[in-house]
Protein backbone atom coordinates (compact mmCIF):
# COMPACT_ATOMS: atom_id res chain seq x y z
CA UNK A 1 -89.12 -23.69 156.26
CA UNK A 2 -88.07 -26.66 158.38
CA UNK A 3 -90.59 -28.86 159.72
CA UNK A 4 -91.93 -28.36 163.68
CA UNK A 5 -90.44 -30.65 165.95
CA UNK A 6 -91.00 -34.14 165.67
CA UNK A 7 -91.52 -35.30 169.79
CA UNK A 8 -88.61 -37.38 171.05
CA UNK A 9 -89.16 -41.34 170.75
CA UNK A 10 -87.37 -43.89 173.27
CA UNK A 11 -84.26 -45.86 171.80
CA UNK A 12 -83.21 -42.33 169.56
CA UNK A 13 -80.92 -39.96 170.59
CA UNK A 14 -81.33 -36.77 170.54
CA UNK A 15 -79.07 -34.23 168.61
CA UNK A 16 -78.65 -30.34 168.72
CA UNK A 17 -78.95 -28.80 165.52
CA UNK A 18 -76.98 -26.14 164.15
CA UNK A 19 -79.35 -23.49 165.46
CA UNK A 20 -78.70 -24.94 169.09
CA UNK A 21 -82.10 -25.86 169.24
CA UNK A 22 -82.37 -29.71 170.47
CA UNK A 23 -85.56 -30.78 168.84
CA UNK A 24 -84.51 -33.23 166.12
CA UNK A 25 -84.16 -37.17 166.54
CA UNK A 26 -82.21 -38.76 164.47
CA UNK A 27 -83.69 -41.72 162.55
CA UNK A 28 -81.51 -44.67 161.75
CA UNK A 29 -83.87 -45.92 159.04
CA UNK A 30 -84.60 -42.78 157.13
CA UNK A 31 -87.03 -39.78 157.49
CA UNK A 32 -90.63 -39.77 158.18
CA UNK A 33 -91.98 -38.98 154.67
CA UNK A 34 -93.17 -35.17 154.87
CA UNK A 35 -89.77 -34.38 155.93
CA UNK A 36 -88.05 -37.00 153.40
CA UNK A 37 -89.45 -35.17 150.51
CA UNK A 38 -88.73 -31.71 151.54
CA UNK A 39 -84.61 -33.08 152.30
CA UNK A 40 -84.54 -34.35 149.30
CA UNK A 41 -85.63 -31.71 147.97
CA UNK A 42 -83.01 -29.38 149.60
CA UNK A 43 -80.59 -31.79 148.61
CA UNK A 44 -81.82 -31.94 144.43
CA UNK A 45 -81.82 -28.28 144.47
CA UNK A 46 -78.46 -28.13 145.58
CA UNK A 47 -76.79 -30.37 143.27
CA UNK A 48 -78.71 -29.07 140.25
CA UNK A 49 -77.01 -26.01 141.61
CA UNK A 50 -73.51 -27.47 141.16
CA UNK A 51 -74.03 -29.13 138.09
CA UNK A 52 -75.77 -26.95 136.01
CA UNK A 53 -72.83 -23.81 136.94
CA UNK A 54 -69.74 -26.44 135.58
CA UNK A 55 -71.64 -27.28 132.25
CA UNK A 56 -72.98 -23.68 131.79
CA UNK A 57 -69.55 -22.02 132.68
CA UNK A 58 -67.91 -24.06 130.07
CA UNK A 59 -70.81 -22.92 127.58
CA UNK A 60 -69.95 -19.31 128.69
CA UNK A 61 -66.09 -19.57 128.43
CA UNK A 62 -65.60 -17.69 125.01
CA UNK A 63 -68.07 -15.03 125.83
CA UNK A 64 -65.99 -14.45 129.39
CA UNK A 65 -62.44 -14.31 127.78
CA UNK A 66 -63.97 -11.96 124.81
CA UNK A 67 -65.05 -9.42 127.28
CA UNK A 68 -62.82 -9.88 129.93
CA UNK A 69 -59.81 -8.75 127.30
CA UNK A 70 -58.31 -12.17 128.02
CA UNK A 71 -56.72 -15.45 126.43
CA UNK A 72 -58.80 -18.58 125.65
CA UNK A 73 -56.02 -20.35 126.94
CA UNK A 74 -55.75 -18.20 130.52
CA UNK A 75 -59.69 -18.17 130.72
CA UNK A 76 -59.98 -22.12 131.44
CA UNK A 77 -58.64 -20.91 134.97
CA UNK A 78 -62.63 -20.27 135.69
CA UNK A 79 -63.41 -23.86 135.20
CA UNK A 80 -59.81 -25.95 136.39
CA UNK A 81 -59.52 -23.47 139.53
CA UNK A 82 -63.30 -24.18 140.48
CA UNK A 83 -62.11 -28.03 139.63
CA UNK A 84 -58.98 -28.37 141.10
CA UNK A 85 -61.09 -27.15 144.66
CA UNK A 86 -63.34 -29.62 144.19
CA UNK A 87 -60.77 -32.37 144.45
CA UNK A 88 -58.57 -31.31 146.57
CA UNK A 89 -60.88 -30.89 148.80
CA UNK A 90 -63.94 -34.00 148.77
CA UNK A 91 -62.44 -36.34 151.30
CA UNK A 92 -61.18 -33.53 153.87
CA UNK A 93 -65.43 -31.85 153.74
CA UNK A 94 -66.49 -35.29 154.27
CA UNK A 95 -64.10 -35.62 157.62
CA UNK A 96 -65.27 -32.82 158.31
CA UNK A 97 -69.48 -33.88 158.37
CA UNK A 98 -68.24 -36.96 160.80
CA UNK A 99 -66.70 -34.42 163.48
CA UNK A 100 -69.53 -30.90 163.07
CA UNK A 101 -72.48 -33.00 161.07
CA UNK A 102 -73.55 -33.09 157.55
CA UNK A 103 -76.11 -30.95 157.73
CA UNK A 104 -74.08 -28.53 158.73
CA UNK A 105 -71.41 -28.56 156.18
CA UNK A 106 -73.87 -29.14 153.70
CA UNK A 107 -75.64 -25.80 154.66
CA UNK A 108 -72.25 -23.74 155.44
CA UNK A 109 -71.70 -25.07 151.51
CA UNK A 110 -74.47 -23.59 149.89
CA UNK A 111 -74.10 -20.37 152.15
CA UNK A 112 -70.47 -20.05 150.39
CA UNK A 113 -71.84 -21.26 146.84
CA UNK A 114 -74.74 -18.20 146.91
CA UNK A 115 -72.03 -15.78 147.71
CA UNK A 116 -69.23 -16.87 145.69
CA UNK A 117 -71.87 -16.86 142.62
CA UNK A 118 -72.80 -13.44 143.53
CA UNK A 119 -68.67 -12.83 143.79
CA UNK A 120 -68.64 -14.22 140.58
CA UNK A 121 -71.13 -11.97 138.81
CA UNK A 122 -70.19 -9.09 139.93
CA UNK A 123 -66.40 -9.90 138.82
CA UNK A 124 -64.77 -7.24 136.71
CA UNK A 125 -61.15 -8.94 136.10
CA UNK A 126 -60.22 -12.37 135.11
CA UNK A 127 -58.67 -12.62 138.78
CA UNK A 128 -61.40 -11.03 140.34
CA UNK A 129 -63.58 -14.12 138.65
CA UNK A 130 -61.22 -16.82 139.47
CA UNK A 131 -60.98 -16.10 142.87
CA UNK A 132 -64.68 -16.24 143.39
CA UNK A 133 -64.42 -19.64 141.30
CA UNK A 134 -62.21 -21.23 144.21
CA UNK A 135 -64.45 -19.69 146.88
CA UNK A 136 -67.23 -21.49 144.63
CA UNK A 137 -65.50 -24.70 144.24
CA UNK A 138 -65.30 -24.59 148.44
CA UNK A 139 -68.84 -24.48 148.57
CA UNK A 140 -69.28 -26.93 145.84
CA UNK A 141 -67.12 -29.25 147.45
CA UNK A 142 -69.17 -28.61 150.83
CA UNK A 143 -72.09 -30.10 148.80
CA UNK A 144 -70.66 -32.88 147.12
CA UNK A 145 -69.01 -34.34 149.76
CA UNK A 146 -72.04 -35.19 151.97
CA UNK A 147 -74.65 -34.98 149.07
CA UNK A 148 -74.98 -38.73 148.82
CA UNK A 149 -74.74 -39.54 152.57
CA UNK A 150 -77.55 -37.67 153.42
CA UNK A 151 -79.22 -39.46 150.67
CA UNK A 152 -78.48 -42.39 152.87
CA UNK A 153 -80.13 -41.24 155.97
CA UNK A 154 -83.23 -39.75 154.61
CA UNK A 155 -84.48 -43.12 152.59
CA UNK A 156 -85.15 -46.36 154.71
CA UNK A 157 -82.26 -48.70 153.87
CA UNK A 158 -84.62 -51.01 152.02
CA UNK A 159 -85.15 -47.95 149.81
CA UNK A 160 -81.49 -46.99 149.72
CA UNK A 161 -80.92 -47.33 145.90
CA UNK A 162 -84.30 -45.92 145.13
CA UNK A 163 -83.05 -42.66 146.67
CA UNK A 164 -79.64 -42.89 144.67
CA UNK A 165 -81.92 -43.05 142.03
CA UNK A 166 -83.56 -39.94 142.65
CA UNK A 167 -80.26 -38.01 142.56
CA UNK A 168 -78.65 -39.56 139.90
CA UNK A 169 -81.92 -38.29 138.10
CA UNK A 170 -81.52 -34.95 138.99
CA UNK A 171 -77.64 -34.75 137.39
CA UNK A 172 -78.28 -36.34 134.53
CA UNK A 173 -81.41 -33.97 134.10
CA UNK A 174 -79.40 -31.01 134.81
CA UNK A 175 -76.21 -32.10 132.56
CA UNK A 176 -78.75 -32.31 130.04
CA UNK A 177 -80.25 -28.99 130.63
CA UNK A 178 -76.82 -27.30 131.43
CA UNK A 179 -76.24 -26.44 127.21
CA UNK A 180 -79.75 -25.23 126.56
CA UNK A 181 -79.43 -23.11 129.33
CA UNK A 182 -76.77 -21.44 129.35
CA UNK A 183 -77.64 -20.70 125.43
CA UNK A 184 -80.96 -19.40 127.28
CA UNK A 185 -78.72 -16.80 129.17
CA UNK A 186 -76.66 -15.83 126.78
CA UNK A 187 -79.17 -14.55 124.22
CA UNK A 188 -80.94 -12.37 126.50
CA UNK A 189 -78.35 -11.16 128.79
CA UNK A 190 -74.31 -10.71 129.92
CA UNK A 191 -72.36 -13.83 131.21
CA UNK A 192 -72.21 -12.40 134.97
CA UNK A 193 -76.24 -13.66 134.80
CA UNK A 194 -74.78 -17.37 133.98
CA UNK A 195 -73.46 -17.26 137.84
CA UNK A 196 -75.72 -14.88 139.01
CA UNK A 197 -79.05 -17.77 138.29
CA UNK A 198 -77.10 -19.12 141.28
CA UNK A 199 -78.15 -17.12 144.22
CA UNK A 200 -82.11 -16.89 144.42
CA UNK A 201 -81.39 -21.04 144.14
CA UNK A 202 -79.44 -20.85 147.16
CA UNK A 203 -81.91 -19.10 149.00
CA UNK A 204 -84.42 -21.24 147.86
CA UNK A 205 -82.19 -24.15 149.05
CA UNK A 206 -81.40 -23.04 152.23
CA UNK A 207 -84.71 -22.25 152.96
CA UNK A 208 -86.24 -25.86 152.62
CA UNK A 209 -82.45 -27.06 154.00
CA UNK A 210 -83.99 -27.50 157.74
CA UNK A 211 -85.69 -30.76 157.14
CA UNK A 212 -82.30 -32.40 156.25
CA UNK A 213 -81.28 -35.56 158.79
CA UNK A 214 -78.70 -34.78 161.52
CA UNK A 215 -76.81 -37.46 162.69
CA UNK A 216 -74.43 -38.65 165.40
CA UNK A 217 -71.13 -36.87 165.53
CA UNK A 218 -67.70 -38.17 165.71
CA UNK A 219 -65.83 -37.47 168.68
CA UNK A 220 -61.82 -37.51 167.45
CA UNK A 221 -60.39 -34.04 166.16
CA UNK A 222 -60.45 -32.88 162.48
CA UNK A 223 -56.52 -34.22 160.97
CA UNK A 224 -55.01 -31.33 159.65
CA UNK A 225 -51.98 -32.46 158.79
CA UNK A 226 -53.77 -35.34 156.65
CA UNK A 227 -56.02 -32.77 155.15
CA UNK A 228 -53.16 -30.99 153.58
CA UNK A 229 -51.05 -34.12 152.47
CA UNK A 230 -54.44 -34.99 150.98
CA UNK A 231 -54.43 -31.59 149.70
CA UNK A 232 -51.19 -31.91 148.10
CA UNK A 233 -51.59 -36.04 146.69
CA UNK A 234 -54.59 -35.14 144.54
CA UNK A 235 -53.25 -31.90 143.79
CA UNK A 236 -50.44 -32.62 142.56
CA UNK A 237 -52.34 -35.56 140.50
CA UNK A 238 -54.99 -33.62 138.85
CA UNK A 239 -52.17 -30.77 137.64
CA UNK A 240 -49.81 -33.45 136.56
CA UNK A 241 -52.18 -35.23 134.28
CA UNK A 242 -53.62 -32.03 133.30
CA UNK A 243 -49.55 -30.56 132.02
CA UNK A 244 -49.41 -34.49 130.64
CA UNK A 245 -52.45 -33.31 128.25
CA UNK A 246 -50.92 -31.44 126.80
CA UNK A 247 -48.37 -33.38 125.91
CA UNK A 248 -44.53 -34.04 126.58
CA UNK A 249 -42.99 -30.72 125.40
CA UNK A 250 -42.76 -29.38 129.68
CA UNK A 251 -41.85 -32.95 130.63
CA UNK A 252 -40.56 -31.37 134.12
CA UNK A 253 -43.87 -29.93 135.17
CA UNK A 254 -45.36 -33.12 134.94
CA UNK A 255 -42.40 -34.88 136.60
CA UNK A 256 -42.81 -32.25 139.68
CA UNK A 257 -46.64 -32.69 139.72
CA UNK A 258 -46.77 -36.15 139.84
CA UNK A 259 -43.54 -36.65 142.40
CA UNK A 260 -45.47 -33.85 144.87
CA UNK A 261 -48.34 -36.32 144.25
CA UNK A 262 -46.73 -39.71 145.42
CA UNK A 263 -44.57 -38.26 147.84
CA UNK A 264 -47.56 -36.67 149.90
CA UNK A 265 -49.79 -39.70 149.04
CA UNK A 266 -46.92 -42.19 150.68
CA UNK A 267 -47.07 -39.73 153.57
CA UNK A 268 -51.22 -39.41 153.83
CA UNK A 269 -51.39 -43.42 153.84
CA UNK A 270 -49.03 -44.12 156.41
CA UNK A 271 -50.62 -41.89 158.38
CA UNK A 272 -53.86 -42.79 157.62
CA UNK A 273 -53.03 -46.52 158.97
CA UNK A 274 -52.94 -45.92 162.69
CA UNK A 275 -56.42 -44.11 162.58
CA UNK A 276 -59.86 -45.29 163.79
CA UNK A 277 -61.72 -43.26 161.18
CA UNK A 278 -59.00 -42.02 158.46
CA UNK A 279 -59.49 -38.88 156.11
CA UNK A 280 -58.75 -40.94 153.60
CA UNK A 281 -60.30 -43.79 153.50
CA UNK A 282 -57.63 -46.64 154.20
CA UNK A 283 -60.17 -48.76 156.64
CA UNK A 284 -62.92 -48.74 153.46
CA UNK A 285 -60.69 -49.58 150.80
CA UNK A 286 -60.14 -53.01 152.64
CA UNK A 287 -63.34 -54.37 151.85
CA UNK A 288 -63.20 -55.59 149.12
CA UNK A 289 -66.58 -54.95 147.23
CA UNK A 290 -65.64 -51.18 148.52
CA UNK A 291 -62.73 -51.06 146.62
CA UNK A 292 -64.04 -52.73 143.14
CA UNK A 293 -66.69 -50.30 143.09
CA UNK A 294 -64.06 -47.56 143.49
CA UNK A 295 -62.08 -48.81 141.12
CA UNK A 296 -65.42 -49.75 138.67
CA UNK A 297 -66.44 -46.26 139.43
CA UNK A 298 -62.96 -44.90 138.32
CA UNK A 299 -62.76 -46.69 135.00
CA UNK A 300 -66.51 -46.09 134.08
CA UNK A 301 -66.28 -42.02 134.52
CA UNK A 302 -63.10 -42.24 132.62
CA UNK A 303 -64.67 -44.20 129.86
CA UNK A 304 -67.60 -41.42 129.51
CA UNK A 305 -65.54 -38.39 129.77
CA UNK A 306 -63.37 -39.59 126.91
CA UNK A 307 -66.31 -39.87 125.04
CA UNK A 308 -67.85 -37.15 126.27
CA UNK A 309 -64.93 -34.51 125.13
CA UNK A 310 -64.11 -36.49 122.34
CA UNK A 311 -67.63 -36.38 120.69
CA UNK A 312 -68.15 -32.58 119.94
CA UNK A 313 -64.46 -32.65 118.08
CA UNK A 314 -65.62 -35.97 116.20
CA UNK A 315 -68.78 -35.03 115.19
CA UNK A 316 -68.03 -31.32 113.91
CA UNK A 317 -64.54 -32.11 112.73
CA UNK A 318 -64.85 -35.25 110.50
CA UNK A 319 -68.40 -36.00 110.37
CA UNK A 320 -68.84 -32.32 109.26
CA UNK A 321 -71.83 -31.60 111.60
CA UNK A 322 -73.04 -27.89 113.15
CA UNK A 323 -72.16 -26.59 116.66
CA UNK A 324 -76.79 -26.67 117.22
CA UNK A 325 -76.56 -30.74 115.63
CA UNK A 326 -73.68 -32.08 117.37
CA UNK A 327 -75.57 -30.52 120.84
CA UNK A 328 -78.99 -32.23 119.55
CA UNK A 329 -77.28 -35.54 118.48
CA UNK A 330 -75.70 -35.98 122.03
CA UNK A 331 -78.39 -34.90 123.75
CA UNK A 332 -80.50 -39.06 123.94
CA UNK A 333 -77.41 -40.25 125.68
CA UNK A 334 -78.85 -37.85 129.45
CA UNK A 335 -81.99 -37.92 128.10
CA UNK A 336 -81.61 -42.15 128.53
CA UNK A 337 -80.12 -42.27 131.24
CA UNK A 338 -82.66 -39.42 132.85
CA UNK A 339 -85.15 -42.24 132.23
CA UNK A 340 -82.82 -45.29 133.45
CA UNK A 341 -81.14 -44.23 136.17
CA UNK A 342 -84.08 -44.42 138.47
CA UNK A 343 -85.54 -47.46 137.50
CA UNK A 344 -81.53 -49.02 138.34
CA UNK A 345 -81.96 -47.46 141.38
CA UNK A 346 -85.18 -49.21 142.33
CA UNK A 347 -83.69 -52.11 141.05
CA UNK A 348 -80.46 -52.27 142.91
CA UNK A 349 -82.97 -52.66 146.13
CA UNK A 350 -83.62 -56.20 145.06
CA UNK A 351 -80.65 -57.49 142.94
CA UNK A 352 -76.63 -57.29 143.23
CA UNK A 353 -74.49 -54.38 141.76
CA UNK A 354 -72.14 -56.63 140.70
CA UNK A 355 -74.91 -57.80 137.69
CA UNK A 356 -76.28 -55.06 137.15
CA UNK A 357 -73.62 -52.84 136.90
CA UNK A 358 -72.02 -55.69 134.81
CA UNK A 359 -74.71 -55.41 132.18
CA UNK A 360 -74.65 -52.32 132.46
CA UNK A 361 -70.98 -51.56 131.64
CA UNK A 362 -71.35 -54.46 129.38
CA UNK A 363 -74.12 -51.99 126.93
CA UNK A 364 -72.18 -49.26 127.38
CA UNK A 365 -69.21 -50.81 125.64
CA UNK A 366 -71.10 -51.69 123.12
CA UNK A 367 -72.21 -48.24 122.38
CA UNK A 368 -68.82 -46.63 122.73
CA UNK A 369 -67.79 -49.62 120.18
CA UNK A 370 -70.57 -48.69 117.97
CA UNK A 371 -69.48 -45.14 117.84
CA UNK A 372 -65.88 -46.13 117.50
CA UNK A 373 -67.24 -48.07 114.05
CA UNK A 374 -69.60 -45.08 112.75
CA UNK A 375 -69.67 -45.73 108.81
CA UNK A 376 -67.83 -42.53 107.20
CA UNK A 377 -71.15 -41.29 106.23
CA UNK A 378 -73.67 -41.84 108.83
CA UNK A 379 -77.18 -40.06 109.37
CA UNK A 380 -78.72 -38.64 111.94
CA UNK A 381 -80.81 -42.58 113.12
CA UNK A 382 -77.01 -44.23 113.35
CA UNK A 383 -75.87 -41.63 115.77
CA UNK A 384 -78.87 -41.48 118.18
CA UNK A 385 -79.65 -44.55 118.93
CA UNK A 386 -75.91 -45.20 119.33
CA UNK A 387 -75.66 -42.32 122.07
CA UNK A 388 -79.07 -43.72 123.78
CA UNK A 389 -77.37 -46.88 123.78
CA UNK A 390 -74.32 -45.19 125.89
CA UNK A 391 -76.86 -43.33 127.82
CA UNK A 392 -78.56 -46.92 128.91
CA UNK A 393 -75.68 -49.12 129.74
CA UNK A 394 -74.39 -45.91 131.90
CA UNK A 395 -77.67 -45.44 133.59
CA UNK A 396 -77.91 -48.92 134.51
CA UNK A 397 -74.66 -48.92 135.83
CA UNK A 398 -74.25 -46.10 138.09
CA UNK A 399 -77.00 -45.83 140.78
CA UNK A 400 -76.40 -49.62 141.86
CA UNK A 401 -72.52 -48.49 142.73
CA UNK A 402 -73.62 -45.76 144.29
CA UNK A 403 -75.45 -47.67 146.45
CA UNK A 404 -72.90 -49.94 146.83
CA UNK A 405 -70.46 -47.69 147.81
CA UNK A 406 -72.22 -46.73 150.83
CA UNK A 407 -73.90 -49.52 151.96
CA UNK A 408 -70.67 -51.37 151.88
CA UNK A 409 -69.41 -49.00 154.57
CA UNK A 410 -70.50 -49.13 158.40
CA UNK A 411 -72.75 -46.41 159.08
CA UNK A 412 -70.25 -44.86 161.16
CA UNK A 413 -67.82 -44.52 158.24
CA UNK A 414 -70.51 -43.78 155.61
CA UNK A 415 -68.94 -40.09 155.48
CA UNK A 416 -65.77 -41.31 154.48
CA UNK A 417 -67.52 -43.22 151.62
CA UNK A 418 -69.50 -40.71 150.36
CA UNK A 419 -66.36 -38.60 149.90
CA UNK A 420 -64.90 -41.54 148.34
CA UNK A 421 -67.49 -41.42 145.68
CA UNK A 422 -67.25 -37.74 144.45
CA UNK A 423 -63.40 -38.46 144.62
CA UNK A 424 -63.57 -41.47 142.41
CA UNK A 425 -65.80 -39.95 140.34
CA UNK A 426 -64.04 -36.75 139.61
CA UNK A 427 -60.80 -38.58 139.28
CA UNK A 428 -62.23 -40.28 136.08
CA UNK A 429 -63.41 -37.59 134.63
CA UNK A 430 -60.33 -35.37 135.17
CA UNK A 431 -58.07 -38.20 133.62
CA UNK A 432 -60.31 -39.09 130.90
CA UNK A 433 -59.89 -35.07 129.77
CA UNK A 434 -56.36 -35.55 129.95
CA UNK A 435 -55.93 -38.31 128.40
CA UNK A 436 -58.01 -36.85 125.49
CA UNK A 437 -55.98 -33.88 125.43
CA UNK A 438 -52.93 -36.29 124.96
CA UNK A 439 -54.86 -38.49 122.48
CA UNK A 440 -55.00 -35.73 120.12
CA UNK A 441 -51.82 -33.78 120.80
CA UNK A 442 -49.78 -36.78 119.65
CA UNK A 443 -51.89 -38.17 116.99
CA UNK A 444 -54.09 -34.80 115.69
CA UNK A 445 -57.13 -35.41 113.37
CA UNK A 446 -56.95 -39.16 113.41
CA UNK A 447 -57.15 -39.47 117.51
CA UNK A 448 -60.88 -39.45 117.87
CA UNK A 449 -61.10 -43.18 116.79
CA UNK A 450 -58.79 -44.14 119.18
CA UNK A 451 -60.02 -42.14 122.13
CA UNK A 452 -63.19 -43.84 121.84
CA UNK A 453 -61.79 -47.19 121.42
CA UNK A 454 -59.98 -46.35 124.65
CA UNK A 455 -62.86 -45.91 125.94
CA UNK A 456 -64.68 -48.93 124.98
CA UNK A 457 -61.73 -50.51 126.41
CA UNK A 458 -62.03 -48.76 129.94
CA UNK A 459 -65.71 -49.75 129.83
CA UNK A 460 -64.84 -53.19 129.41
CA UNK A 461 -62.43 -53.27 132.49
CA UNK A 462 -65.34 -51.82 134.33
CA UNK A 463 -67.57 -54.38 133.36
CA UNK A 464 -64.80 -57.34 134.44
CA UNK A 465 -64.48 -55.46 137.87
CA UNK A 466 -68.23 -55.36 138.51
CA UNK A 467 -68.26 -59.05 137.93
CA UNK A 468 -66.06 -59.45 140.32
CA UNK A 469 -68.15 -57.89 142.95
CA UNK A 470 -70.60 -61.91 142.43
CA UNK A 471 -67.37 -63.34 143.67
CA UNK A 472 -67.17 -64.95 147.25
CA UNK A 473 -63.76 -62.72 148.11
CA UNK A 474 -66.12 -59.71 146.04
CA UNK A 475 -68.92 -59.79 148.32
CA UNK A 476 -68.84 -58.04 151.78
CA UNK A 477 -71.36 -57.32 154.40
CA UNK A 478 -74.45 -55.05 153.74
CA UNK A 479 -74.71 -52.13 155.97
CA UNK A 480 -78.00 -50.49 154.11
């Protein structure tokens, strides 16, 4: 369902599509509107698929464990294997996108994700399911590593914030729908259909993926050694953090994982320093506004993850709310985010991200603090307005921050920026989940208030980091 060939225009480079047909021009300032709509639809479908899959897989875990006759602890690998592969692959795949084309990596990712989803649906044992989830993680990493850079080339420079806001809306809506979709599927079918539902979405995404923007390709070769160091560095970090979340019983496992991460990280950075287009973007981290945006993102997503993991336990165990009521009480957060995210994206095209992000994180911090200070017997309204405040603050922050990460990178390095955008988000979320587990292990039932307090502190730190982007040293050229 790709558009007919667009005539070559002087001053624009003609590049070859993955089909081998030279029929698409590079648009330095966005795609023409009809093609842009189809391209954004393709990106939105794939992102919806990846976000929904994460949410509904979590909901289906108890059912999967029961029907595959495995323990709850072992079944968690259905989630962990997927997340681990995504984290260790993002930067490598974004670097590969610079070399072979972002659209090609994206299409390959959609195909892999669809095939792996079918493999998940046909699995009859836990090892088979985990193996298919590993492959699915590769597909998801392909999608997540380049979706932001594709948006960067879909929209004109002056409307980049608008495009990022649209994607933020899609992510928020998919996250909000996740529990409902999972419940609906499991109420009428087996857990296999939780994964099978991705197959038709993958096919539809491929049908409209011919409209994706095609970009210039880098001339350097893919750095396999750096990719290996990167995998060990982030893999060791994630495993170490996850093990730390289980307490200090197996401290030697934590030490080994962090040791591998440290050694691999040092070797990775040393190897990148002499490279013009490093896989781990040390060149971009030298840009003050980019580095501050990355740190802001990690703190913000860590605070969000801390809260999302803590709240179900807090609402059900401390406030004695039912599971269904808990889901409804948490819904205002993503619901408000769906409204605010596209608006903040439009504002990001007019106002500094340091200001918008700082205000958003300030609102977020107030919302988190108010949740930590809930009365002993709160009404539903007491909880709902606090959730809405958190969603509004996070929504105001997210789109401008993502826009800055992409626009502060030179055009030929926007792939590296896209990879770091996803890596920062996943790193923050992983740290947040592990911190909740560690706090609960150390403090038991009293840990919820501590976790919410720590989330508030992290949101405050993110506010300060965002505001630093307004200072002369925190500013840099905007390439968007």
